[in-house]
Amino acid sequence: MEYSAESTGDLPKIARDILRKAGDFRLFAFYGNMGVGKTTLILQFIEILGVKEPGSSPTFSIVNEYRDAENKPVYHFDFYRIESIDEVYDIGYEEYFYSDAWCFMEWPEKIEALLPDETVKIFINEEENVRKIKVELPS
């Protein structure tokens, strides 16, 4: 699946469509350069899921936890600052990834070996002020 977003106003519709097509998959990995809009798109996902509190990037804490409309956990990870895979083991990534909770991950390339096969991969790049979003669903 591929999408184009000319403005941030296009993102809610794109996020809804991705969630619908992802079905039961709960793990989402967002790839893209710094400043391309990974956090902005993730915040659209968590808003659609009914998270009421304002979201932000967990750059320094590695993970932010929210509650969706059904009071279930929603996790937002930012692996940019990790220096070794051991840090991800230390936070107990398995408890998050295998919990059936929503997990949205920035900079997943730093932990690629730990990503379950059931991860939806979202690639974002910018071409001439238009965000190009490519989605790969697990097989």
N, C-alpha and C. Protein backbone atom coordinates (compact mmCIF):
# COMPACT_ATOMS: atom_id res chain seq x y z
N MET A 1 0.84 -1.17 0.00
CA MET A 1 0.00 0.00 0.00
C MET A 1 0.89 1.23 0.00
N GLU A 2 0.45 2.22 -0.74
CA GLU A 2 1.19 3.47 -0.77
C GLU A 2 0.24 4.64 -0.66
N TYR A 3 0.70 5.67 0.04
CA TYR A 3 -0.09 6.87 0.28
C TYR A 3 0.77 8.09 0.02
N SER A 4 0.12 9.21 -0.27
CA SER A 4 0.78 10.50 -0.37
C SER A 4 0.06 11.47 0.54
N ALA A 5 0.83 12.24 1.30
CA ALA A 5 0.26 13.24 2.19
C ALA A 5 0.88 14.59 1.85
N GLU A 6 0.06 15.48 1.34
CA GLU A 6 0.55 16.82 0.99
C GLU A 6 0.58 17.73 2.21
N SER A 7 -0.18 17.36 3.26
CA SER A 7 -0.18 18.14 4.50
C SER A 7 -0.49 17.21 5.66
N THR A 8 -0.30 17.71 6.88
CA THR A 8 -0.62 16.90 8.04
C THR A 8 -2.12 16.62 8.11
N GLY A 9 -2.93 17.42 7.43
CA GLY A 9 -4.37 17.19 7.39
C GLY A 9 -4.75 15.89 6.69
N ASP A 10 -3.86 15.35 5.87
CA ASP A 10 -4.11 14.08 5.19
C ASP A 10 -3.84 12.87 6.08
N LEU A 11 -3.11 13.07 7.16
CA LEU A 11 -2.65 11.94 7.98
C LEU A 11 -3.74 11.18 8.72
N PRO A 12 -4.78 11.84 9.27
CA PRO A 12 -5.81 11.05 9.96
C PRO A 12 -6.48 10.02 9.06
N LYS A 13 -6.80 10.39 7.84
CA LYS A 13 -7.43 9.45 6.90
C LYS A 13 -6.48 8.30 6.56
N ILE A 14 -5.21 8.63 6.35
CA ILE A 14 -4.22 7.60 6.04
C ILE A 14 -4.06 6.64 7.22
N ALA A 15 -3.94 7.19 8.42
CA ALA A 15 -3.78 6.35 9.61
C ALA A 15 -4.99 5.43 9.81
N ARG A 16 -6.19 5.96 9.61
CA ARG A 16 -7.40 5.12 9.74
C ARG A 16 -7.38 3.97 8.73
N ASP A 17 -6.99 4.28 7.51
CA ASP A 17 -6.96 3.25 6.47
C ASP A 17 -5.92 2.18 6.79
N ILE A 18 -4.76 2.60 7.27
CA ILE A 18 -3.72 1.64 7.62
C ILE A 18 -4.20 0.74 8.77
N LEU A 19 -4.80 1.32 9.79
CA LEU A 19 -5.31 0.51 10.91
C LEU A 19 -6.36 -0.49 10.43
N ARG A 20 -7.24 -0.05 9.55
CA ARG A 20 -8.28 -0.94 9.03
C ARG A 20 -7.66 -2.10 8.26
N LYS A 21 -6.71 -1.79 7.39
CA LYS A 21 -6.09 -2.84 6.57
C LYS A 21 -5.15 -3.73 7.37
N ALA A 22 -4.61 -3.23 8.47
CA ALA A 22 -3.71 -4.03 9.31
C ALA A 22 -4.47 -5.09 10.09
N GLY A 23 -5.78 -4.91 10.24
CA GLY A 23 -6.59 -5.93 10.92
C GLY A 23 -6.15 -6.16 12.34
N ASP A 24 -5.77 -7.41 12.65
CA ASP A 24 -5.40 -7.79 14.01
C ASP A 24 -3.93 -7.51 14.36
N PHE A 25 -3.15 -7.04 13.41
CA PHE A 25 -1.74 -6.76 13.71
C PHE A 25 -1.65 -5.55 14.62
N ARG A 26 -0.79 -5.63 15.63
CA ARG A 26 -0.68 -4.59 16.66
C ARG A 26 0.71 -3.95 16.73
N LEU A 27 1.68 -4.48 16.01
CA LEU A 27 3.04 -3.95 16.04
C LEU A 27 3.32 -3.17 14.77
N PHE A 28 3.75 -1.92 14.92
CA PHE A 28 3.99 -1.04 13.78
C PHE A 28 5.38 -0.44 13.90
N ALA A 29 6.21 -0.63 12.88
CA ALA A 29 7.57 -0.09 12.84
C ALA A 29 7.62 1.02 11.79
N PHE A 30 8.08 2.19 12.19
CA PHE A 30 8.11 3.38 11.33
C PHE A 30 9.55 3.70 10.95
N TYR A 31 9.84 3.65 9.66
CA TYR A 31 11.17 3.91 9.13
C TYR A 31 11.17 5.25 8.40
N GLY A 32 12.24 6.00 8.54
CA GLY A 32 12.37 7.26 7.82
C GLY A 32 13.43 8.13 8.46
N ASN A 33 13.91 9.09 7.70
CA ASN A 33 14.94 9.99 8.19
C ASN A 33 14.41 10.89 9.30
N MET A 34 15.31 11.49 10.03
CA MET A 34 14.98 12.45 11.06
C MET A 34 14.12 13.57 10.46
N GLY A 35 13.03 13.89 11.13
CA GLY A 35 12.19 15.01 10.71
C GLY A 35 11.20 14.73 9.60
N VAL A 36 11.07 13.47 9.18
CA VAL A 36 10.18 13.15 8.06
C VAL A 36 8.72 13.01 8.49
N GLY A 37 8.47 12.88 9.80
CA GLY A 37 7.09 12.83 10.27
C GLY A 37 6.66 11.54 10.93
N LYS A 38 7.60 10.75 11.40
CA LYS A 38 7.25 9.48 12.06
C LYS A 38 6.41 9.74 13.31
N THR A 39 6.88 10.63 14.17
CA THR A 39 6.14 10.94 15.40
C THR A 39 4.77 11.52 15.07
N THR A 40 4.71 12.42 14.12
CA THR A 40 3.43 13.05 13.74
C THR A 40 2.42 12.00 13.31
N LEU A 41 2.84 11.02 12.51
CA LEU A 41 1.93 9.97 12.06
C LEU A 41 1.54 9.06 13.23
N ILE A 42 2.49 8.71 14.08
CA ILE A 42 2.18 7.87 15.24
C ILE A 42 1.15 8.56 16.14
N LEU A 43 1.29 9.85 16.33
CA LEU A 43 0.32 10.58 17.17
C LEU A 43 -1.08 10.54 16.57
N GLN A 44 -1.18 10.46 15.25
CA GLN A 44 -2.49 10.28 14.61
C GLN A 44 -3.07 8.90 14.95
N PHE A 45 -2.23 7.88 14.91
CA PHE A 45 -2.68 6.53 15.26
C PHE A 45 -3.22 6.49 16.69
N ILE A 46 -2.45 7.05 17.63
CA ILE A 46 -2.89 6.94 19.02
C ILE A 46 -4.15 7.77 19.27
N GLU A 47 -4.30 8.87 18.56
CA GLU A 47 -5.54 9.66 18.70
C GLU A 47 -6.74 8.86 18.19
N ILE A 48 -6.58 8.20 17.05
CA ILE A 48 -7.66 7.38 16.48
C ILE A 48 -8.04 6.25 17.44
N LEU A 49 -7.06 5.73 18.18
CA LEU A 49 -7.32 4.65 19.13
C LEU A 49 -8.01 5.15 20.40
N GLY A 50 -8.20 6.44 20.51
CA GLY A 50 -8.94 6.99 21.63
C GLY A 50 -8.10 7.45 22.80
N VAL A 51 -6.80 7.59 22.58
CA VAL A 51 -5.93 8.12 23.64
C VAL A 51 -6.30 9.58 23.85
N LYS A 52 -6.58 9.94 25.09
CA LYS A 52 -7.03 11.30 25.41
C LYS A 52 -5.89 12.24 25.76
N GLU A 53 -4.84 11.71 26.38
CA GLU A 53 -3.74 12.58 26.79
C GLU A 53 -2.89 12.96 25.58
N PRO A 54 -2.24 14.13 25.64
CA PRO A 54 -1.39 14.53 24.51
C PRO A 54 -0.17 13.62 24.41
N GLY A 55 0.18 13.24 23.22
CA GLY A 55 1.32 12.37 23.01
C GLY A 55 2.57 13.17 22.69
N SER A 56 3.71 12.51 22.86
CA SER A 56 4.99 13.12 22.51
C SER A 56 5.97 12.00 22.21
N SER A 57 7.07 12.36 21.60
CA SER A 57 8.08 11.36 21.29
C SER A 57 8.82 10.95 22.55
N PRO A 58 9.00 9.66 22.76
CA PRO A 58 9.72 9.17 23.94
C PRO A 58 11.24 9.11 23.71
N THR A 59 11.80 10.13 23.10
CA THR A 59 13.21 10.11 22.71
C THR A 59 14.13 9.77 23.87
N PHE A 60 13.89 10.32 25.04
CA PHE A 60 14.80 10.09 26.16
C PHE A 60 14.35 8.95 27.07
N SER A 61 13.07 8.66 27.10
CA SER A 61 12.57 7.59 27.98
C SER A 61 12.48 6.24 27.27
N ILE A 62 12.66 6.20 25.98
CA ILE A 62 12.55 5.03 25.10
C ILE A 62 11.10 4.63 24.85
N VAL A 63 10.25 4.64 25.89
CA VAL A 63 8.86 4.23 25.68
C VAL A 63 7.91 5.14 26.47
N ASN A 64 6.83 5.54 25.81
CA ASN A 64 5.71 6.22 26.48
C ASN A 64 4.53 5.25 26.50
N GLU A 65 3.80 5.24 27.59
CA GLU A 65 2.60 4.40 27.68
C GLU A 65 1.38 5.29 27.77
N TYR A 66 0.38 4.94 26.97
CA TYR A 66 -0.91 5.64 26.97
C TYR A 66 -2.01 4.61 27.21
N ARG A 67 -3.21 5.07 27.32
CA ARG A 67 -4.39 4.20 27.44
C ARG A 67 -5.36 4.55 26.32
N ASP A 68 -5.85 3.51 25.61
CA ASP A 68 -6.79 3.74 24.52
C ASP A 68 -8.21 3.90 25.05
N ALA A 69 -9.17 3.98 24.16
CA ALA A 69 -10.57 4.19 24.53
C ALA A 69 -11.12 3.08 25.42
N GLU A 70 -10.53 1.88 25.34
CA GLU A 70 -10.96 0.74 26.16
C GLU A 70 -10.08 0.57 27.40
N ASN A 71 -9.25 1.58 27.69
CA ASN A 71 -8.33 1.58 28.82
C ASN A 71 -7.24 0.50 28.70
N LYS A 72 -6.93 0.11 27.48
CA LYS A 72 -5.85 -0.85 27.23
C LYS A 72 -4.58 -0.08 26.88
N PRO A 73 -3.41 -0.66 27.17
CA PRO A 73 -2.16 0.08 26.91
C PRO A 73 -1.85 0.25 25.44
N VAL A 74 -1.27 1.40 25.15
CA VAL A 74 -0.73 1.73 23.83
C VAL A 74 0.69 2.21 24.08
N TYR A 75 1.66 1.61 23.41
CA TYR A 75 3.07 1.94 23.63
C TYR A 75 3.67 2.63 22.41
N HIS A 76 4.44 3.67 22.69
CA HIS A 76 5.15 4.41 21.65
C HIS A 76 6.64 4.37 22.00
N PHE A 77 7.41 3.71 21.16
CA PHE A 77 8.85 3.54 21.38
C PHE A 77 9.64 4.45 20.45
N ASP A 78 10.78 4.91 20.95
CA ASP A 78 11.75 5.62 20.12
C ASP A 78 13.11 5.02 20.45
N PHE A 79 13.64 4.25 19.51
CA PHE A 79 14.91 3.55 19.74
C PHE A 79 16.12 4.33 19.23
N TYR A 80 15.94 5.59 18.88
CA TYR A 80 17.03 6.39 18.30
C TYR A 80 18.27 6.44 19.19
N ARG A 81 18.07 6.60 20.49
CA ARG A 81 19.20 6.82 21.40
C ARG A 81 19.79 5.54 22.00
N ILE A 82 19.25 4.38 21.66
CA ILE A 82 19.85 3.18 22.24
C ILE A 82 21.23 2.94 21.61
N GLU A 83 22.12 2.48 22.43
CA GLU A 83 23.48 2.24 21.95
C GLU A 83 23.79 0.77 21.77
N SER A 84 22.99 -0.09 22.40
CA SER A 84 23.18 -1.53 22.19
C SER A 84 21.84 -2.23 22.37
N ILE A 85 21.75 -3.38 21.77
CA ILE A 85 20.52 -4.18 21.85
C ILE A 85 20.23 -4.60 23.29
N ASP A 86 21.27 -4.64 24.12
CA ASP A 86 21.09 -4.99 25.53
C ASP A 86 20.14 -4.03 26.24
N GLU A 87 20.14 -2.76 25.83
CA GLU A 87 19.22 -1.79 26.44
C GLU A 87 17.76 -2.19 26.20
N VAL A 88 17.49 -2.78 25.06
CA VAL A 88 16.13 -3.19 24.72
C VAL A 88 15.75 -4.43 25.52
N TYR A 89 16.71 -5.33 25.72
CA TYR A 89 16.47 -6.47 26.61
C TYR A 89 16.19 -5.98 28.03
N ASP A 90 16.94 -4.96 28.46
CA ASP A 90 16.79 -4.43 29.82
C ASP A 90 15.41 -3.83 30.09
N ILE A 91 14.79 -3.26 29.07
CA ILE A 91 13.44 -2.69 29.29
C ILE A 91 12.36 -3.76 29.20
N GLY A 92 12.77 -4.99 28.87
CA GLY A 92 11.80 -6.09 28.80
C GLY A 92 10.91 -5.99 27.58
N TYR A 93 11.52 -5.79 26.42
CA TYR A 93 10.76 -5.59 25.19
C TYR A 93 9.74 -6.69 24.93
N GLU A 94 10.02 -7.93 25.35
CA GLU A 94 9.10 -9.04 25.09
C GLU A 94 7.75 -8.80 25.73
N GLU A 95 7.76 -8.22 26.93
CA GLU A 95 6.50 -7.95 27.63
C GLU A 95 5.63 -6.96 26.85
N TYR A 96 6.25 -6.07 26.11
CA TYR A 96 5.52 -5.12 25.29
C TYR A 96 5.08 -5.76 23.97
N PHE A 97 6.05 -6.30 23.24
CA PHE A 97 5.80 -6.80 21.89
C PHE A 97 4.84 -7.99 21.85
N TYR A 98 4.86 -8.80 22.89
CA TYR A 98 4.03 -10.00 22.89
C TYR A 98 2.83 -9.88 23.83
N SER A 99 2.42 -8.67 24.11
CA SER A 99 1.32 -8.43 25.06
C SER A 99 -0.03 -8.24 24.38
N ASP A 100 -0.07 -8.21 23.07
CA ASP A 100 -1.27 -7.92 22.29
C ASP A 100 -1.70 -6.45 22.46
N ALA A 101 -0.79 -5.62 22.97
CA ALA A 101 -1.05 -4.18 23.06
C ALA A 101 -0.61 -3.54 21.75
N TRP A 102 -1.10 -2.34 21.50
CA TRP A 102 -0.64 -1.57 20.34
C TRP A 102 0.78 -1.09 20.63
N CYS A 103 1.69 -1.31 19.70
CA CYS A 103 3.08 -0.86 19.82
C CYS A 103 3.48 -0.12 18.55
N PHE A 104 3.89 1.11 18.70
CA PHE A 104 4.34 1.95 17.59
C PHE A 104 5.80 2.30 17.84
N MET A 105 6.68 1.98 16.87
CA MET A 105 8.12 2.08 17.08
C MET A 105 8.79 2.99 16.06
N GLU A 106 9.55 3.96 16.58
CA GLU A 106 10.41 4.78 15.74
C GLU A 106 11.82 4.22 15.79
N TRP A 107 12.55 4.33 14.71
CA TRP A 107 13.92 3.84 14.57
C TRP A 107 14.02 2.33 14.83
N PRO A 108 13.13 1.53 14.24
CA PRO A 108 13.17 0.07 14.46
C PRO A 108 14.39 -0.59 13.82
N GLU A 109 15.04 0.09 12.90
CA GLU A 109 16.22 -0.51 12.28
C GLU A 109 17.31 -0.79 13.31
N LYS A 110 17.26 -0.10 14.45
CA LYS A 110 18.25 -0.33 15.51
C LYS A 110 17.99 -1.63 16.28
N ILE A 111 16.77 -2.20 16.11
CA ILE A 111 16.43 -3.45 16.82
C ILE A 111 15.83 -4.46 15.85
N GLU A 112 16.15 -4.34 14.61
CA GLU A 112 15.54 -5.17 13.54
C GLU A 112 15.52 -6.66 13.89
N ALA A 113 16.58 -7.16 14.48
CA ALA A 113 16.67 -8.60 14.81
C ALA A 113 15.61 -9.02 15.83
N LEU A 114 15.06 -8.08 16.59
CA LEU A 114 14.08 -8.41 17.62
C LEU A 114 12.63 -8.26 17.16
N LEU A 115 12.42 -7.71 15.98
CA LEU A 115 11.06 -7.47 15.51
C LEU A 115 10.37 -8.78 15.16
N PRO A 116 9.19 -9.01 15.72
CA PRO A 116 8.43 -10.21 15.36
C PRO A 116 8.00 -10.17 13.88
N ASP A 117 7.77 -11.34 13.32
CA ASP A 117 7.32 -11.42 11.93
C ASP A 117 6.00 -10.69 11.70
N GLU A 118 5.22 -10.51 12.76
CA GLU A 118 3.89 -9.90 12.66
C GLU A 118 3.94 -8.38 12.71
N THR A 119 5.07 -7.78 12.39
CA THR A 119 5.23 -6.33 12.46
C THR A 119 4.82 -5.69 11.13
N VAL A 120 3.96 -4.67 11.22
CA VAL A 120 3.61 -3.85 10.05
C VAL A 120 4.74 -2.85 9.89
N LYS A 121 5.31 -2.76 8.69
CA LYS A 121 6.42 -1.85 8.43
C LYS A 121 5.93 -0.67 7.60
N ILE A 122 6.21 0.53 8.10
CA ILE A 122 5.77 1.76 7.45
C ILE A 122 7.00 2.60 7.13
N PHE A 123 7.19 2.88 5.85
CA PHE A 123 8.34 3.64 5.38
C PHE A 123 7.86 5.03 4.94
N ILE A 124 8.49 6.05 5.49
CA ILE A 124 8.08 7.43 5.18
C ILE A 124 9.28 8.16 4.60
N ASN A 125 9.07 8.83 3.48
CA ASN A 125 10.08 9.74 2.96
C ASN A 125 9.38 10.96 2.38
N GLU A 126 10.14 11.98 2.11
CA GLU A 126 9.56 13.21 1.60
C GLU A 126 10.14 13.51 0.23
N GLU A 127 9.23 13.78 -0.71
CA GLU A 127 9.63 14.14 -2.06
C GLU A 127 8.87 15.40 -2.45
N GLU A 128 9.61 16.47 -2.69
CA GLU A 128 9.01 17.74 -3.11
C GLU A 128 7.86 18.17 -2.19
N ASN A 129 8.13 18.16 -0.88
CA ASN A 129 7.17 18.59 0.15
C ASN A 129 5.93 17.70 0.27
N VAL A 130 6.00 16.49 -0.25
CA VAL A 130 4.91 15.53 -0.12
C VAL A 130 5.47 14.30 0.60
N ARG A 131 4.77 13.89 1.67
CA ARG A 131 5.19 12.67 2.37
C ARG A 131 4.70 11.47 1.60
N LYS A 132 5.61 10.58 1.31
CA LYS A 132 5.27 9.32 0.65
C LYS A 132 5.33 8.24 1.73
N ILE A 133 4.25 7.51 1.86
CA ILE A 133 4.13 6.51 2.92
C ILE A 133 3.88 5.16 2.26
N LYS A 134 4.79 4.22 2.51
CA LYS A 134 4.64 2.87 1.97
C LYS A 134 4.45 1.91 3.14
N VAL A 135 3.45 1.05 3.05
CA VAL A 135 3.13 0.12 4.13
C VAL A 135 3.31 -1.31 3.65
N GLU A 136 4.03 -2.10 4.45
CA GLU A 136 4.20 -3.52 4.18
C GLU A 136 3.53 -4.30 5.31
N LEU A 137 2.48 -5.02 4.97
CA LEU A 137 1.79 -5.86 5.96
C LEU A 137 2.50 -7.21 6.05
N PRO A 138 2.50 -7.80 7.23
CA PRO A 138 3.09 -9.14 7.36
C PRO A 138 2.33 -10.15 6.49
N SER A 139 3.03 -11.19 6.05
CA SER A 139 2.33 -12.18 5.22
C SER A 139 1.67 -13.24 6.04
